[in-house]
PDB file of N, CA and C in Angstrom:
ATOM      1  N   MET A   1       0.398  -0.973   0.065  1.00  0.00           N
ATOM      2  CA  MET A   1       0.018  -0.070   0.099  1.00  0.00           C
ATOM      3  C   MET A   1       0.842   1.376  -0.063  1.00  0.00           C
ATOM      4  N   LYS A   2       1.976   0.847   0.714  1.00  0.00           N
ATOM      5  CA  LYS A   2       3.103   2.255   0.741  1.00  0.00           C
ATOM      6  C   LYS A   2       3.118   2.488  -0.836  1.00  0.00           C
ATOM      7  N   HIS A   3       3.937   1.666  -1.305  1.00  0.00           N
ATOM      8  CA  HIS A   3       4.364   1.658  -2.724  1.00  0.00           C
ATOM      9  C   HIS A   3       3.437   2.830  -4.007  1.00  0.00           C
ATOM     10  N   LEU A   4       2.102   2.279  -3.798  1.00  0.00           N
ATOM     11  CA  LEU A   4       1.178   3.119  -4.097  1.00  0.00           C
ATOM     12  C   LEU A   4       0.930   4.307  -3.611  1.00  0.00           C
ATOM     13  N   THR A   5       0.978   4.764  -2.442  1.00  0.00           N
ATOM     14  CA  THR A   5       0.702   5.960  -1.869  1.00  0.00           C
ATOM     15  C   THR A   5       1.879   6.715  -2.222  1.00  0.00           C
ATOM     16  N   LEU A   6       3.287   6.111  -2.727  1.00  0.00           N
ATOM     17  CA  LEU A   6       4.461   7.051  -2.913  1.00  0.00           C
ATOM     18  C   LEU A   6       4.304   7.157  -4.313  1.00  0.00           C
ATOM     19  N   PHE A   7       4.009   6.003  -4.750  1.00  0.00           N
ATOM     20  CA  PHE A   7       3.709   6.165  -6.638  1.00  0.00           C
ATOM     21  C   PHE A   7       2.784   7.530  -6.780  1.00  0.00           C
ATOM     22  N   THR A   8       1.457   7.373  -6.480  1.00  0.00           N
ATOM     23  CA  THR A   8       0.383   8.763  -6.395  1.00  0.00           C
ATOM     24  C   THR A   8       1.298  10.073  -6.253  1.00  0.00           C
ATOM     25  N   LEU A   9       2.071  10.056  -4.364  1.00  0.00           N
ATOM     26  CA  LEU A   9       2.361  11.459  -4.427  1.00  0.00           C
ATOM     27  C   LEU A   9       3.302  11.471  -5.142  1.00  0.00           C
ATOM     28  N   VAL A  10       4.319  11.372  -5.666  1.00  0.00           N
ATOM     29  CA  VAL A  10       5.002  11.615  -6.111  1.00  0.00           C
ATOM     30  C   VAL A  10       4.924  12.498  -8.025  1.00  0.00           C
ATOM     31  N   SER A  11       3.947  11.532  -8.776  1.00  0.00           N
ATOM     32  CA  SER A  11       3.492  11.818 -10.014  1.00  0.00           C
ATOM     33  C   SER A  11       2.246  12.667  -9.699  1.00  0.00           C
ATOM     34  N   VAL A  12       1.568  12.697  -8.846  1.00  0.00           N
ATOM     35  CA  VAL A  12       0.809  14.112  -8.345  1.00  0.00           C
ATOM     36  C   VAL A  12       1.321  15.100  -8.570  1.00  0.00           C
ATOM     37  N   PHE A  13       2.134  15.468  -7.378  1.00  0.00           N
ATOM     38  CA  PHE A  13       2.799  16.375  -6.903  1.00  0.00           C
ATOM     39  C   PHE A  13       3.634  17.118  -7.880  1.00  0.00           C
ATOM     40  N   THR A  14       4.841  16.142  -8.630  1.00  0.00           N
ATOM     41  CA  THR A  14       5.599  16.635  -9.730  1.00  0.00           C
ATOM     42  C   THR A  14       4.293  17.074 -11.017  1.00  0.00           C
ATOM     43  N   GLY A  15       3.523  16.425 -11.105  1.00  0.00           N
ATOM     44  CA  GLY A  15       2.722  17.080 -12.407  1.00  0.00           C
ATOM     45  C   GLY A  15       2.186  18.662 -12.090  1.00  0.00           C
ATOM     46  N   ALA A  16       1.778  18.451 -10.742  1.00  0.00           N
ATOM     47  CA  ALA A  16       1.097  20.014 -10.103  1.00  0.00           C
ATOM     48  C   ALA A  16       2.174  20.869 -10.305  1.00  0.00           C
ATOM     49  N   ALA A  17       3.116  20.426  -9.881  1.00  0.00           N
ATOM     50  CA  ALA A  17       4.259  21.485  -9.887  1.00  0.00           C
ATOM     51  C   ALA A  17       4.549  21.709 -11.539  1.00  0.00           C
ATOM     52  N   ALA A  18       4.855  21.031 -12.014  1.00  0.00           N
ATOM     53  CA  ALA A  18       5.347  21.277 -13.395  1.00  0.00           C
ATOM     54  C   ALA A  18       4.380  22.446 -14.244  1.00  0.00           C
ATOM     55  N   VAL A  19       2.825  21.973 -13.754  1.00  0.00           N
ATOM     56  CA  VAL A  19       2.081  22.788 -14.580  1.00  0.00           C
ATOM     57  C   VAL A  19       1.932  24.333 -14.105  1.00  0.00           C
ATOM     58  N   VAL A  20       1.822  24.265 -12.546  1.00  0.00           N
ATOM     59  CA  VAL A  20       2.216  25.328 -12.096  1.00  0.00           C
ATOM     60  C   VAL A  20       3.531  26.337 -12.532  1.00  0.00           C
ATOM     61  N   ALA A  21       4.545  25.830 -12.613  1.00  0.00           N
ATOM     62  CA  ALA A  21       5.501  26.710 -12.738  1.00  0.00           C
ATOM     63  C   ALA A  21       5.797  26.889 -14.127  1.00  0.00           C
ATOM     64  N   SER A  22       4.822  25.938 -15.534  1.00  0.00           N
ATOM     65  CA  SER A  22       4.752  26.367 -16.656  1.00  0.00           C
ATOM     66  C   SER A  22       3.896  27.240 -17.004  1.00  0.00           C
ATOM     67  N   MET A  23       2.797  27.578 -16.029  1.00  0.00           N
ATOM     68  CA  MET A  23       2.154  28.862 -16.185  1.00  0.00           C
ATOM     69  C   MET A  23       2.640  30.199 -15.678  1.00  0.00           C
ATOM     70  N   VAL A  24       3.380  29.727 -14.823  1.00  0.00           N
ATOM     71  CA  VAL A  24       4.024  31.366 -14.506  1.00  0.00           C
ATOM     72  C   VAL A  24       5.345  31.499 -15.271  1.00  0.00           C
ATOM     73  N   GLY A  25       6.114  30.723 -15.992  1.00  0.00           N
ATOM     74  CA  GLY A  25       7.244  30.754 -17.246  1.00  0.00           C
ATOM     75  C   GLY A  25       6.251  31.115 -18.338  1.00  0.00           C
ATOM     76  N   ALA A  26       4.775  30.940 -18.439  1.00  0.00           N
ATOM     77  CA  ALA A  26       4.392  31.216 -19.744  1.00  0.00           C
ATOM     78  C   ALA A  26       3.894  32.999 -19.593  1.00  0.00           C
ATOM     79  N   SER A  27       4.018  33.557 -18.864  1.00  0.00           N
ATOM     80  CA  SER A  27       4.012  35.293 -18.440  1.00  0.00           C
ATOM     81  C   SER A  27       5.414  35.869 -19.074  1.00  0.00           C
ATOM     82  N   PHE A  28       6.357  34.984 -19.041  1.00  0.00           N
ATOM     83  CA  PHE A  28       7.647  35.394 -19.567  1.00  0.00           C
ATOM     84  C   PHE A  28       7.902  35.194 -20.912  1.00  0.00           C
ATOM     85  N   GLY A  29       7.165  34.126 -21.429  1.00  0.00           N
ATOM     86  CA  GLY A  29       7.052  33.720 -22.838  1.00  0.00           C
ATOM     87  C   GLY A  29       7.073  32.539 -23.112  1.00  0.00           C
ATOM     88  N   HIS A  30       7.501  32.272 -24.311  1.00  0.00           N
ATOM     89  CA  HIS A  30       7.182  30.466 -25.005  1.00  0.00           C
ATOM     90  C   HIS A  30       8.377  30.177 -24.305  1.00  0.00           C
ATOM     91  N   HIS A  31       9.887  30.620 -24.642  1.00  0.00           N
ATOM     92  CA  HIS A  31      10.676  29.358 -24.108  1.00  0.00           C
ATOM     93  C   HIS A  31      10.727  29.215 -22.499  1.00  0.00           C
ATOM     94  N   ALA A  32       9.969  30.301 -21.783  1.00  0.00           N
ATOM     95  CA  ALA A  32       9.885  30.431 -20.229  1.00  0.00           C
ATOM     96  C   ALA A  32       9.058  29.325 -19.993  1.00  0.00           C
ATOM     97  N   LEU A  33       8.263  29.000 -20.612  1.00  0.00           N
ATOM     98  CA  LEU A  33       6.721  28.310 -20.349  1.00  0.00           C
ATOM     99  C   LEU A  33       7.616  26.682 -20.323  1.00  0.00           C
ATOM    100  N   PHE A  34       8.281  26.369 -21.291  1.00  0.00           N
ATOM    101  CA  PHE A  34       9.170  24.971 -21.465  1.00  0.00           C
ATOM    102  C   PHE A  34      10.028  25.186 -20.307  1.00  0.00           C
ATOM    103  N   ALA A  35      10.654  26.202 -20.014  1.00  0.00           N
ATOM    104  CA  ALA A  35      11.872  26.013 -18.772  1.00  0.00           C
ATOM    105  C   ALA A  35      11.256  26.098 -17.365  1.00  0.00           C
ATOM    106  N   GLY A  36       9.873  26.835 -17.524  1.00  0.00           N
ATOM    107  CA  GLY A  36       9.038  26.519 -16.233  1.00  0.00           C
ATOM    108  C   GLY A  36       8.636  25.326 -16.168  1.00  0.00           C
ATOM    109  N   ALA A  37       8.312  24.719 -16.771  1.00  0.00           N
ATOM    110  CA  ALA A  37       7.846  23.081 -16.418  1.00  0.00           C
ATOM    111  C   ALA A  37       8.843  22.183 -16.425  1.00  0.00           C
ATOM    112  N   ILE A  38      10.246  22.290 -16.786  1.00  0.00           N
ATOM    113  CA  ILE A  38      11.175  21.372 -15.976  1.00  0.00           C
ATOM    114  C   ILE A  38      11.652  22.038 -15.250  1.00  0.00           C
ATOM    115  N   LEU A  39      11.769  22.808 -14.635  1.00  0.00           N
ATOM    116  CA  LEU A  39      12.458  23.360 -13.621  1.00  0.00           C
ATOM    117  C   LEU A  39      11.315  23.069 -12.160  1.00  0.00           C
ATOM    118  N   GLY A  40      10.129  23.209 -12.822  1.00  0.00           N
ATOM    119  CA  GLY A  40       9.059  22.845 -11.760  1.00  0.00           C
ATOM    120  C   GLY A  40       9.000  21.588 -11.824  1.00  0.00           C
ATOM    121  N   GLY A  41       9.343  20.480 -12.470  1.00  0.00           N
ATOM    122  CA  GLY A  41       8.771  19.074 -12.378  1.00  0.00           C
ATOM    123  C   GLY A  41      10.265  18.673 -11.729  1.00  0.00           C
ATOM    124  N   PHE A  42      11.272  19.010 -11.833  1.00  0.00           N
ATOM    125  CA  PHE A  42      12.698  18.741 -11.057  1.00  0.00           C
ATOM    126  C   PHE A  42      12.374  18.935  -9.699  1.00  0.00           C
ATOM    127  N   ALA A  43      11.466  20.532  -9.374  1.00  0.00           N
ATOM    128  CA  ALA A  43      11.395  20.670  -8.049  1.00  0.00           C
ATOM    129  C   ALA A  43      10.258  19.671  -7.162  1.00  0.00           C
ATOM    130  N   GLY A  44       9.092  19.630  -8.232  1.00  0.00           N
ATOM    131  CA  GLY A  44       8.528  18.620  -7.812  1.00  0.00           C
ATOM    132  C   GLY A  44       8.775  17.387  -7.302  1.00  0.00           C
ATOM    133  N   VAL A  45       9.425  16.848  -7.826  1.00  0.00           N
ATOM    134  CA  VAL A  45      10.050  15.231  -7.575  1.00  0.00           C
ATOM    135  C   VAL A  45      10.744  15.662  -6.479  1.00  0.00           C
ATOM    136  N   THR A  46      11.513  16.567  -6.429  1.00  0.00           N
ATOM    137  CA  THR A  46      12.295  16.534  -5.053  1.00  0.00           C
ATOM    138  C   THR A  46      11.479  16.643  -3.902  1.00  0.00           C
ATOM    139  N   ALA A  47      10.481  17.896  -3.731  1.00  0.00           N
ATOM    140  CA  ALA A  47       9.584  17.937  -2.742  1.00  0.00           C
ATOM    141  C   ALA A  47       8.606  16.972  -2.346  1.00  0.00           C
ATOM    142  N   ALA A  48       8.447  16.165  -3.433  1.00  0.00           N
ATOM    143  CA  ALA A  48       7.566  14.922  -3.095  1.00  0.00           C
ATOM    144  C   ALA A  48       8.301  14.002  -2.609  1.00  0.00           C
ATOM    145  N   ILE A  49       9.499  13.899  -2.997  1.00  0.00           N
ATOM    146  CA  ILE A  49      10.508  12.569  -2.158  1.00  0.00           C
ATOM    147  C   ILE A  49      10.739  12.908  -0.805  1.00  0.00           C
ATOM    148  N   ARG A  50      11.256  14.146  -0.439  1.00  0.00           N
ATOM    149  CA  ARG A  50      11.541  14.784   1.062  1.00  0.00           C
ATOM    150  C   ARG A  50      10.541  14.445   1.905  1.00  0.00           C
ATOM    151  N   LEU A  51       8.914  14.949   1.444  1.00  0.00           N
ATOM    152  CA  LEU A  51       7.771  14.870   1.887  1.00  0.00           C
ATOM    153  C   LEU A  51       7.251  12.998   2.280  1.00  0.00           C
ATOM    154  N   SER A  52       7.663  12.056   1.427  1.00  0.00           N
ATOM    155  CA  SER A  52       7.669  10.931   1.547  1.00  0.00           C
ATOM    156  C   SER A  52       8.769  10.447   2.380  1.00  0.00           C
ATOM    157  N   ALA A  53       9.558  10.923   2.905  1.00  0.00           N
ATOM    158  CA  ALA A  53      10.918  10.570   3.828  1.00  0.00           C
ATOM    159  C   ALA A  53       9.789  11.272   5.350  1.00  0.00           C
ATOM    160  N   THR A  54       9.400  12.524   5.127  1.00  0.00           N
ATOM    161  CA  THR A  54       8.742  12.876   6.238  1.00  0.00           C
ATOM    162  C   THR A  54       7.721  11.984   6.715  1.00  0.00           C
ATOM    163  N   PHE A  55       7.197  11.783   5.783  1.00  0.00           N
ATOM    164  CA  PHE A  55       5.934  10.669   5.976  1.00  0.00           C
ATOM    165  C   PHE A  55       6.242   9.751   6.621  1.00  0.00           C
ATOM    166  N   ARG A  56       7.324   9.171   6.231  1.00  0.00           N
ATOM    167  CA  ARG A  56       8.231   7.923   6.805  1.00  0.00           C
ATOM    168  C   ARG A  56       7.303   7.029   5.557  1.00  0.00           C
ATOM    169  N   LEU A  57       7.744   6.980   4.228  1.00  0.00           N
ATOM    170  CA  LEU A  57       6.859   6.236   3.297  1.00  0.00           C
ATOM    171  C   LEU A  57       8.375   5.517   2.688  1.00  0.00           C
ATOM    172  N   ILE A  58       9.211   6.098   3.197  1.00  0.00           N
ATOM    173  CA  ILE A  58      10.493   5.682   2.555  1.00  0.00           C
ATOM    174  C   ILE A  58      11.613   5.985   3.358  1.00  0.00           C
ATOM    175  N   GLU A  59      12.785   5.606   3.603  1.00  0.00           N
ATOM    176  CA  GLU A  59      13.569   5.544   4.820  1.00  0.00           C
ATOM    177  C   GLU A  59      14.491   7.141   4.319  1.00  0.00           C
ATOM    178  N   PRO A  60      15.125   7.707   4.797  1.00  0.00           N
ATOM    179  CA  PRO A  60      15.637   9.030   4.706  1.00  0.00           C
ATOM    180  C   PRO A  60      16.975   8.883   3.954  1.00  0.00           C
ATOM    181  N   ALA A  61      17.768   7.712   3.973  1.00  0.00           N
ATOM    182  CA  ALA A  61      18.726   7.547   3.005  1.00  0.00           C
ATOM    183  C   ALA A  61      18.248   6.950   1.715  1.00  0.00           C
ATOM    184  N   ALA A  62      16.827   6.488   1.132  1.00  0.00           N
ATOM    185  CA  ALA A  62      16.412   6.441   0.430  1.00  0.00           C
ATOM    186  C   ALA A  62      16.131   7.584  -0.734  1.00  0.00           C
ATOM    187  N   VAL A  63      16.123   9.088  -0.098  1.00  0.00           N
ATOM    188  CA  VAL A  63      15.913  10.161  -0.928  1.00  0.00           C
ATOM    189  C   VAL A  63      16.891  10.203  -1.820  1.00  0.00           C
ATOM    190  N   TRP A  64      17.952  10.740  -1.960  1.00  0.00           N
ATOM    191  CA  TRP A  64      18.391  10.666  -3.300  1.00  0.00           C
ATOM    192  C   TRP A  64      18.448   9.401  -4.337  1.00  0.00           C
ATOM    193  N   PRO A  65      18.228   8.194  -3.961  1.00  0.00           N
ATOM    194  CA  PRO A  65      17.941   7.383  -5.004  1.00  0.00           C
ATOM    195  C   PRO A  65      16.682   7.608  -5.749  1.00  0.00           C
ATOM    196  N   GLY A  66      15.565   7.574  -4.641  1.00  0.00           N
ATOM    197  CA  GLY A  66      14.369   8.307  -5.359  1.00  0.00           C
ATOM    198  C   GLY A  66      14.478   9.359  -5.831  1.00  0.00           C
ATOM    199  N   ILE A  67      15.133  10.248  -5.635  1.00  0.00           N
ATOM    200  CA  ILE A  67      15.147  11.971  -6.306  1.00  0.00           C
ATOM    201  C   ILE A  67      15.825  11.277  -7.605  1.00  0.00           C
ATOM    202  N   LEU A  68      17.031  10.792  -7.948  1.00  0.00           N
ATOM    203  CA  LEU A  68      17.245  10.466  -9.103  1.00  0.00           C
ATOM    204  C   LEU A  68      16.361   9.860 -10.051  1.00  0.00           C
ATOM    205  N   GLY A  69      15.879   8.465  -9.291  1.00  0.00           N
ATOM    206  CA  GLY A  69      14.846   7.952 -10.228  1.00  0.00           C
ATOM    207  C   GLY A  69      13.348   8.905 -10.785  1.00  0.00           C
ATOM    208  N   GLY A  70      13.114   9.669  -9.744  1.00  0.00           N
ATOM    209  CA  GLY A  70      11.810  10.594 -10.485  1.00  0.00           C
ATOM    210  C   GLY A  70      12.101  11.451 -11.540  1.00  0.00           C
ATOM    211  N   TRP A  71      13.658  12.103 -11.363  1.00  0.00           N
ATOM    212  CA  TRP A  71      14.037  12.935 -12.218  1.00  0.00           C
ATOM    213  C   TRP A  71      14.013  12.194 -13.524  1.00  0.00           C
ATOM    214  N   ILE A  72      15.231  11.287 -13.682  1.00  0.00           N
ATOM    215  CA  ILE A  72      14.601  10.319 -15.204  1.00  0.00           C
ATOM    216  C   ILE A  72      13.495   9.976 -15.266  1.00  0.00           C
ATOM    217  N   GLY A  73      12.334   9.576 -14.754  1.00  0.00           N
ATOM    218  CA  GLY A  73      10.766   9.341 -15.314  1.00  0.00           C
ATOM    219  C   GLY A  73      10.638  10.491 -15.867  1.00  0.00           C
ATOM    220  N   PHE A  74      10.719  11.445 -14.947  1.00  0.00           N
ATOM    221  CA  PHE A  74      10.172  13.083 -15.689  1.00  0.00           C
ATOM    222  C   PHE A  74      10.900  13.530 -16.833  1.00  0.00           C
ATOM    223  N   LEU A  75      12.090  12.912 -17.107  1.00  0.00           N
ATOM    224  CA  LEU A  75      13.184  13.533 -18.275  1.00  0.00           C
ATOM    225  C   LEU A  75      12.355  12.500 -19.528  1.00  0.00           C
ATOM    226  N   ILE A  76      11.977  11.918 -18.880  1.00  0.00           N
ATOM    227  CA  ILE A  76      11.292  10.707 -20.297  1.00  0.00           C
ATOM    228  C   ILE A  76       9.699  11.304 -20.435  1.00  0.00           C
ATOM    229  N   ALA A  77       8.791  11.749 -19.371  1.00  0.00           N
ATOM    230  CA  ALA A  77       7.691  12.344 -19.632  1.00  0.00           C
ATOM    231  C   ALA A  77       7.453  13.312 -19.796  1.00  0.00           C
ATOM    232  N   ALA A  78       8.483  14.428 -19.860  1.00  0.00           N
ATOM    233  CA  ALA A  78       8.168  15.574 -20.080  1.00  0.00           C
ATOM    234  C   ALA A  78       8.275  15.720 -21.492  1.00  0.00           C
ATOM    235  N   PRO A  79       9.089  14.993 -22.307  1.00  0.00           N
ATOM    236  CA  PRO A  79       8.998  15.200 -24.117  1.00  0.00           C
ATOM    237  C   PRO A  79       7.628  14.567 -24.669  1.00  0.00           C
ATOM    238  N   LEU A  80       7.295  13.561 -23.814  1.00  0.00           N
ATOM    239  CA  LEU A  80       5.747  12.620 -24.121  1.00  0.00           C
ATOM    240  C   LEU A  80       4.900  13.984 -24.332  1.00  0.00           C
ATOM    241  N   ALA A  81       4.888  14.468 -23.035  1.00  0.00           N
ATOM    242  CA  ALA A  81       3.730  15.371 -22.533  1.00  0.00           C
ATOM    243  C   ALA A  81       3.374  16.477 -23.420  1.00  0.00           C
ATOM    244  N   ALA A  82       4.856  17.014 -23.884  1.00  0.00           N
ATOM    245  CA  ALA A  82       4.903  18.637 -24.412  1.00  0.00           C
ATOM    246  C   ALA A  82       4.450  18.017 -26.126  1.00  0.00           C
ATOM    247  N   ALA A  83       5.081  16.974 -26.137  1.00  0.00           N
ATOM    248  CA  ALA A  83       4.319  16.149 -28.022  1.00  0.00           C
ATOM    249  C   ALA A  83       2.959  15.876 -28.324  1.00  0.00           C
ATOM    250  N   ASN A  84       2.214  15.519 -26.778  1.00  0.00           N
ATOM    251  CA  ASN A  84       0.921  15.299 -27.091  1.00  0.00           C
ATOM    252  C   ASN A  84       0.017  16.420 -25.931  1.00  0.00           C
ATOM    253  N   ALA A  85       0.458  17.620 -26.260  1.00  0.00           N
ATOM    254  CA  ALA A  85       0.011  18.422 -25.427  1.00  0.00           C
ATOM    255  C   ALA A  85      -1.669  18.958 -25.737  1.00  0.00           C
ATOM    256  N   HIS A  86      -1.885  18.382 -27.527  1.00  0.00           N
ATOM    257  CA  HIS A  86      -3.090  18.973 -27.686  1.00  0.00           C
ATOM    258  C   HIS A  86      -3.966  17.919 -26.992  1.00  0.00           C
ATOM    259  N   THR A  87      -3.699  16.614 -26.817  1.00  0.00           N
ATOM    260  CA  THR A  87      -4.719  15.655 -25.661  1.00  0.00           C
ATOM    261  C   THR A  87      -4.567  16.072 -24.367  1.00  0.00           C
ATOM    262  N   PRO A  88      -5.374  15.647 -23.708  1.00  0.00           N
ATOM    263  CA  PRO A  88      -5.282  16.045 -21.812  1.00  0.00           C
ATOM    264  C   PRO A  88      -5.041  14.148 -21.972  1.00  0.00           C
ATOM    265  N   VAL A  89      -4.988  13.175 -22.458  1.00  0.00           N
ATOM    266  CA  VAL A  89      -5.215  11.938 -21.715  1.00  0.00           C
ATOM    267  C   VAL A  89      -3.405  11.888 -21.568  1.00  0.00           C
ATOM    268  N   ILE A  90      -2.417  11.758 -22.489  1.00  0.00           N
ATOM    269  CA  ILE A  90      -0.916  11.503 -22.645  1.00  0.00           C
ATOM    270  C   ILE A  90      -0.489  12.610 -21.515  1.00  0.00           C
ATOM    271  N   PRO A  91      -0.486  13.181 -21.517  1.00  0.00           N
ATOM    272  CA  PRO A  91       0.103  14.317 -20.579  1.00  0.00           C
ATOM    273  C   PRO A  91      -0.131  13.806 -19.007  1.00  0.00           C
ATOM    274  N   LEU A  92      -1.702  13.659 -18.946  1.00  0.00           N
ATOM    275  CA  LEU A  92      -1.645  12.969 -17.458  1.00  0.00           C
ATOM    276  C   LEU A  92      -1.213  11.731 -17.189  1.00  0.00           C
ATOM    277  N   LEU A  93      -0.847  10.576 -18.090  1.00  0.00           N
ATOM    278  CA  LEU A  93      -0.365   9.505 -18.045  1.00  0.00           C
ATOM    279  C   LEU A  93       0.849   9.609 -17.954  1.00  0.00           C
ATOM    280  N   SER A  94       1.472  10.529 -18.817  1.00  0.00           N
ATOM    281  CA  SER A  94       2.974  10.666 -18.659  1.00  0.00           C
ATOM    282  C   SER A  94       3.238  11.012 -17.104  1.00  0.00           C
ATOM    283  N   ILE A  95       2.594  11.422 -16.509  1.00  0.00           N
ATOM    284  CA  ILE A  95       2.998  11.711 -14.709  1.00  0.00           C
ATOM    285  C   ILE A  95       3.671  10.619 -14.471  1.00  0.00           C
ATOM    286  N   GLY A  96       2.615   9.630 -14.838  1.00  0.00           N
ATOM    287  CA  GLY A  96       3.072   8.158 -14.215  1.00  0.00           C
ATOM    288  C   GLY A  96       4.171   7.626 -13.821  1.00  0.00           C
ATOM    289  N   LEU A  97       4.971   8.040 -15.182  1.00  0.00           N
ATOM    290  CA  LEU A  97       6.298   7.650 -15.615  1.00  0.00           C
ATOM    291  C   LEU A  97       7.544   8.411 -14.240  1.00  0.00           C
ATOM    292  N   VAL A  98       6.534   9.325 -13.707  1.00  0.00           N
ATOM    293  CA  VAL A  98       7.449   9.804 -12.485  1.00  0.00           C
ATOM    294  C   VAL A  98       7.724   8.566 -11.502  1.00  0.00           C
ATOM    295  N   GLY A  99       6.475   8.283 -11.006  1.00  0.00           N
ATOM    296  CA  GLY A  99       6.053   7.437 -10.392  1.00  0.00           C
ATOM    297  C   GLY A  99       6.937   6.450 -10.332  1.00  0.00           C
ATOM    298  N   ALA A 100       6.526   5.880 -11.406  1.00  0.00           N
ATOM    299  CA  ALA A 100       7.248   4.681 -11.839  1.00  0.00           C
ATOM    300  C   ALA A 100       9.037   4.476 -11.998  1.00  0.00           C
ATOM    301  N   GLY A 101       9.367   5.835 -12.081  1.00  0.00           N
ATOM    302  CA  GLY A 101      10.873   5.688 -12.412  1.00  0.00           C
ATOM    303  C   GLY A 101      11.306   5.894 -10.909  1.00  0.00           C
ATOM    304  N   THR A 102      10.379   6.542  -9.796  1.00  0.00           N
ATOM    305  CA  THR A 102      10.842   6.679  -8.307  1.00  0.00           C
ATOM    306  C   THR A 102      10.767   5.424  -7.831  1.00  0.00           C
ATOM    307  N   LEU A 103       9.683   4.497  -7.996  1.00  0.00           N
ATOM    308  CA  LEU A 103      10.036   3.050  -7.448  1.00  0.00           C
ATOM    309  C   LEU A 103      10.738   2.358  -8.354  1.00  0.00           C
ATOM    310  N   ALA A 104      11.376   2.257  -9.426  1.00  0.00           N
ATOM    311  CA  ALA A 104      12.198   1.620 -10.210  1.00  0.00           C
ATOM    312  C   ALA A 104      13.585   1.641  -9.582  1.00  0.00           C
ATOM    313  N   ALA A 105      13.928   3.261  -9.133  1.00  0.00           N
ATOM    314  CA  ALA A 105      15.111   3.571  -8.653  1.00  0.00           C
ATOM    315  C   ALA A 105      15.267   3.035  -7.459  1.00  0.00           C
ATOM    316  N   MET A 106      13.857   2.870  -6.734  1.00  0.00           N
ATOM    317  CA  MET A 106      14.195   2.451  -4.915  1.00  0.00           C
ATOM    318  C   MET A 106      14.429   0.832  -4.743  1.00  0.00           C
ATOM    319  N   ARG A 107      13.713   0.253  -6.431  1.00  0.00           N
ATOM    320  CA  ARG A 107      13.622  -1.164  -6.372  1.00  0.00           C
ATOM    321  C   ARG A 107      15.357  -1.714  -6.513  1.00  0.00           C
ATOM    322  N   ILE A 108      16.164  -0.661  -7.359  1.00  0.00           N
ATOM    323  CA  ILE A 108      17.609  -1.267  -7.623  1.00  0.00           C
ATOM    324  C   ILE A 108      18.420  -0.492  -6.642  1.00  0.00           C
ATOM    325  N   SER A 109      18.012   0.496  -5.603  1.00  0.00           N
ATOM    326  CA  SER A 109      18.628   0.776  -4.446  1.00  0.00           C
ATOM    327  C   SER A 109      18.629  -0.274  -3.298  1.00  0.00           C
ATOM    328  N   PRO A 110      19.799  -0.138  -2.706  1.00  0.00           N
ATOM    329  CA  PRO A 110      19.632  -0.583  -1.517  1.00  0.00           C
ATOM    330  C   PRO A 110      18.320  -0.667  -0.062  1.00  0.00           C
ATOM    331  N   HIS A 111      18.120   0.709  -0.647  1.00  0.00           N
ATOM    332  CA  HIS A 111      17.413   1.654   0.350  1.00  0.00           C
ATOM    333  C   HIS A 111      15.910   1.411  -0.183  1.00  0.00           C
ATOM    334  N   LYS A 112      15.033   0.353   0.296  1.00  0.00           N
ATOM    335  CA  LYS A 112      13.654   0.485  -0.289  1.00  0.00           C
ATOM    336  C   LYS A 112      12.671   0.894   0.719  1.00  0.00           C
ATOM    337  N   PRO A 113      11.733   1.357  -0.065  1.00  0.00           N
ATOM    338  CA  PRO A 113      10.304   1.906   0.440  1.00  0.00           C
ATOM    339  C   PRO A 113      10.161   0.821   1.559  1.00  0.00           C
ATOM    340  N   LYS A 114       9.232   1.805   2.761  1.00  0.00           N
ATOM    341  CA  LYS A 114       8.602   1.017   3.711  1.00  0.00           C
ATOM    342  C   LYS A 114       7.960   0.346   3.265  1.00  0.00           C
ATOM    343  N   SER A 115       7.648  -0.931   3.576  1.00  0.00           N
ATOM    344  CA  SER A 115       6.013  -2.191   3.633  1.00  0.00           C
ATOM    345  C   SER A 115       5.105  -2.055   4.284  1.00  0.00           C
TER     346      SER A 115
END
């Protein structure tokens, strides 16, 4: 159950942070929209993983592997979401790659999410 909670927390938090940061960036121009989304996504992953450690979903030692896995998942999800921004489905589904990246990194890390 904690794996599902971790997946959901990281995915939703990162997606929301990327959307809000892209809206802020859009007020500065087209290129800033994308820069805002990327920076917001990275910040969202970092914040969500740190919150997960605070809520004791993961061990404190697992924070950096989780952040790295989430960032990799976000780097895969961002181009998919941007290329398919005209549809609501693909961008929403692509945020799941962030949670999947986090869980994959946790799986190969010696520091596992708590069961």
